[in-house]
Amino acid sequence: MTIRPAHRDEEIDDILGMLNVEAVAFTECRIERGWSLGLGPAPLPGLHYVLEGEGVFAIKGGPRIALTPRTLILTPPGIHYRMEMPAGDGRPLRLHEPTVLPCNPRSQFYSTVAGDGCRDLVIICGHFRARHPASEDLFASLDAPIIERFDASDCPASLLGLVSIELAEHRMGMRTMASALLKQVLVKLFRRTLVSSPGWSQRLALLGDPQVSRAFTAMIARPGDPHSLKSLSNTACLSRSSFVRRFTDAFGQPPGVVLREIRLERAAELLLTRRFLVAQVAEFAGYASYSSFSRAFRNRFGCDPSHYCAALEKAGKTPSAGLGAMIGLPAA
C-alpha cells in the first residue's frame, strides 16, 4: 500500500472541495445478449457503471475492458467506444448505433436499448464537467481510461441512481442535486484510485504537479489573502520563472489570471447571499481598492457589482461557471 504525505491528502481534499462538477446527461443502456451498443465520441469525460450483467467495454484503438457488476470506468474526452454482450455461441455481434430518447421532454436522463429490451447487460453512462475557475476540465489531459471495481459495501450505485432520478424528473434544484451527488461519486473514485493506482493522478495536469497544486490550493482556499507571484512561488518552493511556466502548463493561464477569476467568482457568490455590502465583498475577495474591484467585476460579468443580483434576476439566470455549486447555486 502506498503511503502519501498527509499534507498531500489535504491539498487534494481542498482541490476536490472547490471543484465545480456539472452532470450534463446520463443514459441507461440495456444491451441484449448478442448485441453491441456504440456511443461517442463526446467532448467531455464520461462515467460508465455496470448495474447488471457481464460483457466487454471496447475502446476504438484502445483496450477491451471486462465488464462485471459494480465496475466503474472513467473515460477521457473524445473517445469512440462500444459496450458488447457476446452471444456465447460464436455468432457475430449486431451493432446498434442509438438515437437516445429522454425519459420526458425536459429530461437530461435518457434510455437506449440494443436488442429487444432484455436486461442482460445494464450500464449507466454519463458525461460531465469538472473544473475550477479559469482552468480547463480536470480530466481534459486524461489519456487512458480509469477502471475501478467496487465491492457491494462501497459501490456508488445508489449515488448514480439518485443522479439519474434527479436528471429524469427535472425538478427545481435538479442541476444542483445531480452535480452534488456526482461529485460524491468522483470523490469515491479518487479515494480508491489514489491507493490502488497511485500513479493515476500524475495523468491529470493539475494533480500531476504537486508543487503547483500546493499554490493553487492556497489560492482557492484563501482568495482574499494578499497573494503575489513571490508568495505563491514560495508556497510552491519554486523560482518565479519556473512557477509561472509550470502553472501555465497546468492551467493554460498564468497565475494572475487564474487568481483574478477565482476572486471574482467568489465575489459573485458573496453578492448573491445579499448579506454583505459591496465594499465588504471587495475586501473579502482580496481587492484593496473598491474602484479596481468594480472595474474588474464589470469586465467579467458585464454589470456593476451593486447591480449584479438585479441583473441576474432580470435575465432569469445564475452564475454560469465556477464555484456557485459550493453554496447550492444551479448553473445557468
Protein backbone atom coordinates (compact mmCIF):
# COMPACT_ATOMS: atom_id res chain seq x y z
CA MET A 1 0.00 0.00 0.00
CA THR A 2 1.34 3.41 -0.98
CA ILE A 3 1.54 5.98 1.81
CA ARG A 4 1.29 9.63 0.81
CA PRO A 5 2.22 12.60 2.94
CA ALA A 6 -0.73 13.87 4.99
CA HIS A 7 -0.33 17.38 3.59
CA ARG A 8 -0.72 15.98 0.05
CA ASP A 9 -4.04 14.42 1.01
CA GLU A 10 -5.14 17.76 2.46
CA GLU A 11 -4.24 19.55 -0.78
CA ILE A 12 -6.19 17.03 -2.86
CA ASP A 13 -9.11 17.41 -0.46
CA ASP A 14 -9.07 21.19 -0.94
CA ILE A 15 -8.85 20.82 -4.72
CA LEU A 16 -11.80 18.42 -4.77
CA GLY A 17 -13.76 20.57 -2.34
CA MET A 18 -13.53 23.60 -4.63
CA LEU A 19 -14.17 21.60 -7.81
CA ASN A 20 -17.30 22.59 -9.73
CA VAL A 21 -18.94 19.41 -11.08
CA GLU A 22 -21.81 19.50 -13.56
CA ALA A 23 -23.76 16.43 -14.62
CA VAL A 24 -24.52 17.06 -18.31
CA ALA A 25 -26.56 14.00 -19.38
CA PHE A 26 -26.87 10.36 -18.35
CA THR A 27 -28.23 7.32 -20.18
CA GLU A 28 -29.38 3.89 -19.02
CA CYS A 29 -28.08 1.43 -21.62
CA ARG A 30 -29.74 -2.01 -21.85
CA ILE A 31 -27.96 -4.49 -24.09
CA GLU A 32 -29.35 -7.86 -25.08
CA ARG A 33 -27.11 -10.90 -25.50
CA GLY A 34 -25.63 -10.94 -28.99
CA TRP A 35 -25.69 -7.13 -29.37
CA SER A 36 -23.23 -4.29 -29.02
CA LEU A 37 -24.02 -0.65 -28.41
CA GLY A 38 -21.83 2.07 -29.89
CA LEU A 39 -21.60 5.52 -28.30
CA GLY A 40 -19.33 8.52 -28.67
CA PRO A 41 -17.28 10.41 -29.21
CA ALA A 42 -18.21 13.09 -26.67
CA PRO A 43 -16.13 16.19 -25.95
CA LEU A 44 -16.45 15.58 -22.20
CA PRO A 45 -15.15 12.91 -19.80
CA GLY A 46 -17.55 10.03 -19.21
CA LEU A 47 -18.59 7.76 -16.34
CA HIS A 48 -19.82 4.23 -17.04
CA TYR A 49 -21.11 1.99 -14.24
CA VAL A 50 -22.30 -1.62 -14.61
CA LEU A 51 -25.54 -2.35 -12.75
CA GLU A 52 -26.22 -5.84 -14.10
CA GLY A 53 -24.58 -8.47 -16.29
CA GLU A 54 -21.16 -9.09 -17.78
CA GLY A 55 -19.70 -8.01 -21.09
CA VAL A 56 -16.91 -6.00 -22.72
CA PHE A 57 -16.19 -2.28 -22.96
CA ALA A 58 -14.24 -1.84 -26.20
CA ILE A 59 -12.40 1.43 -26.88
CA LYS A 60 -11.50 2.17 -30.51
CA GLY A 61 -7.73 1.86 -30.80
CA GLY A 62 -7.51 1.00 -27.10
CA PRO A 63 -8.11 -1.76 -24.58
CA ARG A 64 -11.01 -4.17 -24.25
CA ILE A 65 -12.17 -3.96 -20.65
CA ALA A 66 -14.09 -6.77 -18.96
CA LEU A 67 -17.40 -5.56 -17.54
CA THR A 68 -18.75 -7.07 -14.34
CA PRO A 69 -21.30 -5.70 -11.87
CA ARG A 70 -20.00 -2.67 -9.90
CA THR A 71 -17.29 -1.86 -12.46
CA LEU A 72 -16.79 1.90 -12.84
CA ILE A 73 -14.93 3.32 -15.86
CA LEU A 74 -13.97 6.97 -16.30
CA THR A 75 -13.21 7.66 -19.95
CA PRO A 76 -11.22 10.57 -21.43
CA PRO A 77 -12.95 13.12 -23.66
CA GLY A 78 -13.26 12.38 -27.37
CA ILE A 79 -13.10 8.58 -27.50
CA HIS A 80 -15.18 6.12 -29.53
CA TYR A 81 -16.36 3.07 -27.58
CA ARG A 82 -18.74 0.12 -27.70
CA MET A 83 -20.35 -1.98 -25.00
CA GLU A 84 -20.66 -5.61 -26.04
CA MET A 85 -22.74 -8.52 -24.76
CA PRO A 86 -21.43 -11.63 -26.61
CA ALA A 87 -23.99 -14.28 -27.54
CA GLY A 88 -21.69 -17.06 -26.33
CA ASP A 89 -22.24 -19.26 -29.39
CA GLY A 90 -19.79 -17.60 -31.78
CA ARG A 91 -22.38 -15.57 -33.67
CA PRO A 92 -21.21 -12.09 -34.73
CA LEU A 93 -22.47 -9.22 -32.68
CA ARG A 94 -25.20 -6.98 -34.04
CA LEU A 95 -24.27 -3.32 -33.65
CA HIS A 96 -26.79 -0.75 -32.50
CA GLU A 97 -25.99 2.92 -33.10
CA PRO A 98 -28.65 4.52 -30.93
CA THR A 99 -30.80 7.56 -31.08
CA VAL A 100 -31.22 8.04 -27.35
CA LEU A 101 -34.61 9.19 -26.11
CA PRO A 102 -35.22 11.29 -22.99
CA CYS A 103 -37.48 9.86 -20.30
CA ASN A 104 -39.59 13.02 -20.64
CA PRO A 105 -39.34 16.09 -22.93
CA ARG A 106 -37.39 18.15 -20.35
CA SER A 107 -35.20 15.31 -19.10
CA GLN A 108 -31.42 15.07 -19.07
CA PHE A 109 -31.66 11.32 -18.37
CA TYR A 110 -32.09 9.06 -21.37
CA SER A 111 -32.75 5.41 -22.13
CA THR A 112 -31.44 3.37 -25.03
CA VAL A 113 -31.81 -0.31 -25.88
CA ALA A 114 -29.72 -2.63 -28.07
CA GLY A 115 -31.90 -5.63 -28.91
CA ASP A 116 -35.41 -6.38 -27.68
CA GLY A 117 -35.03 -4.78 -24.27
CA CYS A 118 -33.71 -7.71 -22.24
CA ARG A 119 -31.60 -6.62 -19.27
CA ASP A 120 -28.66 -8.95 -19.99
CA LEU A 121 -26.22 -6.04 -19.55
CA VAL A 122 -27.29 -2.76 -17.92
CA ILE A 123 -24.93 0.20 -17.70
CA ILE A 124 -25.43 3.80 -16.62
CA CYS A 125 -23.37 6.04 -18.91
CA GLY A 126 -22.97 9.77 -18.39
CA HIS A 127 -20.89 12.78 -19.29
CA PHE A 128 -19.92 15.62 -17.01
CA ARG A 129 -17.74 18.67 -16.49
CA ALA A 130 -15.33 19.07 -13.58
CA ARG A 131 -13.35 22.29 -13.44
CA HIS A 132 -12.02 25.15 -11.37
CA PRO A 133 -12.26 28.84 -12.34
CA ALA A 134 -10.12 29.89 -15.31
CA SER A 135 -8.93 26.31 -15.88
CA GLU A 136 -9.69 23.53 -18.31
CA ASP A 137 -11.61 20.44 -17.26
CA LEU A 138 -9.76 18.45 -14.58
CA PHE A 139 -9.83 15.38 -16.84
CA ALA A 140 -9.01 17.16 -20.12
CA SER A 141 -5.46 15.76 -20.12
CA LEU A 142 -6.52 12.21 -19.24
CA ASP A 143 -5.18 9.92 -21.97
CA ALA A 144 -6.46 6.49 -20.89
CA PRO A 145 -9.48 5.16 -19.02
CA ILE A 146 -9.55 4.78 -15.23
CA ILE A 147 -11.06 1.47 -14.12
CA GLU A 148 -12.21 0.54 -10.62
CA ARG A 149 -14.17 -2.47 -9.43
CA PHE A 150 -16.13 -1.75 -6.26
CA ASP A 151 -17.39 -4.21 -3.68
CA ALA A 152 -21.01 -4.28 -2.54
CA SER A 153 -20.33 -2.29 0.63
CA ASP A 154 -18.73 0.69 -1.12
CA CYS A 155 -20.29 0.82 -4.57
CA PRO A 156 -21.58 4.12 -5.99
CA ALA A 157 -24.73 2.58 -7.48
CA SER A 158 -27.10 4.36 -5.11
CA LEU A 159 -25.47 7.73 -5.79
CA LEU A 160 -25.60 7.27 -9.57
CA GLY A 161 -29.19 6.08 -9.24
CA LEU A 162 -30.07 9.31 -7.46
CA VAL A 163 -28.23 11.32 -10.15
CA SER A 164 -30.37 9.57 -12.76
CA ILE A 165 -33.59 10.29 -10.86
CA GLU A 166 -32.75 13.96 -10.50
CA LEU A 167 -31.93 14.34 -14.20
CA ALA A 168 -35.01 12.39 -15.25
CA GLU A 169 -37.57 14.24 -13.11
CA HIS A 170 -36.23 17.73 -13.85
CA ARG A 171 -37.49 19.26 -10.61
CA MET A 172 -36.43 22.54 -9.06
CA GLY A 173 -32.77 22.33 -7.97
CA MET A 174 -32.15 19.37 -10.30
CA ARG A 175 -28.75 20.55 -11.52
CA THR A 176 -27.50 21.33 -8.02
CA MET A 177 -28.60 17.96 -6.59
CA ALA A 178 -27.32 15.91 -9.53
CA SER A 179 -23.97 17.68 -9.52
CA ALA A 180 -23.54 17.31 -5.75
CA LEU A 181 -24.28 13.57 -5.99
CA LEU A 182 -21.93 13.13 -8.94
CA LYS A 183 -19.19 14.91 -7.00
CA GLN A 184 -19.53 12.25 -4.28
CA VAL A 185 -19.05 9.55 -6.91
CA LEU A 186 -15.84 11.25 -8.10
CA VAL A 187 -14.55 11.51 -4.52
CA LYS A 188 -15.16 7.76 -4.06
CA LEU A 189 -13.24 7.13 -7.27
CA PHE A 190 -10.35 9.36 -6.17
CA ARG A 191 -10.13 7.62 -2.79
CA ARG A 192 -9.79 4.21 -4.37
CA THR A 193 -7.53 5.04 -7.28
CA LEU A 194 -5.06 7.11 -5.26
CA VAL A 195 -4.48 3.97 -3.17
CA SER A 196 -4.82 1.21 -5.78
CA SER A 197 -3.15 3.14 -8.63
CA PRO A 198 -1.08 5.97 -7.12
CA GLY A 199 0.40 6.91 -10.49
CA TRP A 200 -3.06 7.70 -11.83
CA SER A 201 -3.16 11.28 -10.52
CA GLN A 202 0.04 12.08 -12.42
CA ARG A 203 -2.00 11.79 -15.63
CA LEU A 204 -4.02 14.87 -14.63
CA ALA A 205 -2.28 18.16 -15.33
CA LEU A 206 -3.20 19.78 -12.01
CA LEU A 207 -2.62 16.83 -9.68
CA GLY A 208 0.41 15.75 -11.68
CA ASP A 209 2.43 18.72 -10.35
CA PRO A 210 2.22 18.71 -6.53
CA GLN A 211 4.16 21.96 -6.19
CA VAL A 212 1.82 23.86 -8.50
CA SER A 213 -1.25 22.28 -6.89
CA ARG A 214 0.03 23.45 -3.48
CA ALA A 215 0.00 27.06 -4.67
CA PHE A 216 -3.36 26.63 -6.39
CA THR A 217 -4.82 25.22 -3.18
CA ALA A 218 -3.74 28.38 -1.34
CA MET A 219 -5.47 30.49 -3.99
CA ILE A 220 -8.81 28.69 -3.90
CA ALA A 221 -8.86 28.17 -0.12
CA ARG A 222 -7.95 31.79 0.73
CA PRO A 223 -8.64 34.01 -2.30
CA GLY A 224 -8.75 37.14 -0.14
CA ASP A 225 -5.18 36.74 1.09
CA PRO A 226 -2.59 39.17 -0.34
CA HIS A 227 -1.22 36.63 -2.81
CA SER A 228 1.63 37.70 -5.04
CA LEU A 229 3.85 35.97 -7.53
CA LYS A 230 6.55 35.91 -4.87
CA SER A 231 4.33 34.40 -2.15
CA LEU A 232 2.81 31.80 -4.50
CA SER A 233 6.18 30.72 -5.91
CA ASN A 234 7.47 30.44 -2.32
CA THR A 235 4.47 28.26 -1.45
CA ALA A 236 5.32 26.06 -4.43
CA CYS A 237 9.03 26.05 -3.48
CA LEU A 238 9.93 27.17 -6.99
CA SER A 239 11.65 30.12 -8.58
CA ARG A 240 9.26 32.69 -10.01
CA SER A 241 10.04 31.80 -13.61
CA SER A 242 9.68 28.05 -13.01
CA PHE A 243 6.45 28.58 -11.10
CA VAL A 244 4.87 30.71 -13.83
CA ARG A 245 5.91 28.25 -16.54
CA ARG A 246 4.67 25.16 -14.70
CA PHE A 247 1.47 26.83 -13.51
CA THR A 248 0.66 27.98 -17.05
CA ASP A 249 1.39 24.48 -18.37
CA ALA A 250 -1.11 23.04 -15.87
CA PHE A 251 -3.87 25.63 -16.33
CA GLY A 252 -3.34 27.18 -19.72
CA GLN A 253 -3.40 30.58 -17.98
CA PRO A 254 -0.78 32.42 -15.86
CA PRO A 255 -1.29 32.58 -12.07
CA GLY A 256 -2.51 36.18 -12.06
CA VAL A 257 -5.34 35.46 -14.49
CA VAL A 258 -6.48 32.39 -12.55
CA LEU A 259 -6.34 34.25 -9.22
CA ARG A 260 -8.42 37.11 -10.62
CA GLU A 261 -11.05 34.66 -11.88
CA ILE A 262 -11.20 32.88 -8.52
CA ARG A 263 -11.61 36.16 -6.66
CA LEU A 264 -14.33 37.48 -8.96
CA GLU A 265 -16.35 34.28 -8.85
CA ARG A 266 -16.05 34.23 -5.07
CA ALA A 267 -17.24 37.85 -5.02
CA ALA A 268 -20.24 36.95 -7.21
CA GLU A 269 -21.22 34.19 -4.78
CA LEU A 270 -20.99 36.53 -1.81
CA LEU A 271 -23.12 39.14 -3.56
CA LEU A 272 -25.83 36.56 -4.20
CA THR A 273 -26.13 35.87 -0.48
CA ARG A 274 -27.26 39.53 -0.03
CA ARG A 275 -25.56 39.54 3.37
CA PHE A 276 -22.65 41.88 2.64
CA LEU A 277 -22.05 45.38 1.40
CA VAL A 278 -20.22 45.62 -1.91
CA ALA A 279 -17.23 47.17 -0.13
CA GLN A 280 -17.09 44.16 2.20
CA VAL A 281 -17.27 41.76 -0.73
CA ALA A 282 -14.39 43.60 -2.40
CA GLU A 283 -12.30 43.19 0.73
CA PHE A 284 -13.20 39.51 1.18
CA ALA A 285 -12.22 38.89 -2.45
CA GLY A 286 -8.78 40.39 -1.94
CA TYR A 287 -9.26 43.83 -3.51
CA ALA A 288 -7.78 46.75 -1.58
CA SER A 289 -9.47 49.28 -3.86
CA TYR A 290 -13.23 49.46 -4.41
CA SER A 291 -12.74 51.11 -7.80
CA SER A 292 -10.38 48.39 -9.07
CA PHE A 293 -12.83 45.72 -7.84
CA SER A 294 -15.78 47.40 -9.59
CA ARG A 295 -13.80 47.74 -12.82
CA ALA A 296 -12.68 44.09 -12.78
CA PHE A 297 -16.19 42.91 -11.88
CA ARG A 298 -17.78 44.89 -14.75
CA ASN A 299 -15.23 43.45 -17.19
CA ARG A 300 -16.01 39.92 -16.01
CA PHE A 301 -19.80 39.98 -15.51
CA GLY A 302 -20.91 42.94 -17.61
CA CYS A 303 -22.51 44.95 -14.82
CA ASP A 304 -21.61 46.87 -11.69
CA PRO A 305 -21.39 44.66 -8.57
CA SER A 306 -24.14 46.68 -6.87
CA HIS A 307 -26.50 45.74 -9.73
CA TYR A 308 -25.41 42.10 -10.08
CA CYS A 309 -28.31 40.38 -8.30
CA ALA A 310 -30.89 42.52 -10.06
CA ALA A 311 -29.28 41.87 -13.44
CA LEU A 312 -29.37 38.12 -12.90
CA GLU A 313 -32.97 38.19 -11.74
CA LYS A 314 -33.97 40.21 -14.79
CA ALA A 315 -32.23 37.72 -17.07
CA GLY A 316 -33.54 34.73 -15.10
CA LYS A 317 -30.03 33.39 -14.65
CA THR A 318 -27.45 32.44 -12.03
CA PRO A 319 -23.65 32.46 -12.46
CA SER A 320 -22.72 30.27 -15.40
CA ALA A 321 -19.48 28.75 -14.18
CA GLY A 322 -17.16 28.33 -11.27
CA LEU A 323 -17.75 27.92 -7.57
CA GLY A 324 -21.50 28.55 -7.37
CA ALA A 325 -22.33 24.90 -6.75
CA MET A 326 -20.48 25.06 -3.44
CA ILE A 327 -23.24 27.18 -1.94
CA GLY A 328 -26.10 25.49 -3.72
CA LEU A 329 -26.41 27.65 -6.83
CA PRO A 330 -27.50 25.88 -10.02
CA ALA A 331 -25.60 26.56 -13.21
CA ALA A 332 -27.10 28.90 -15.76
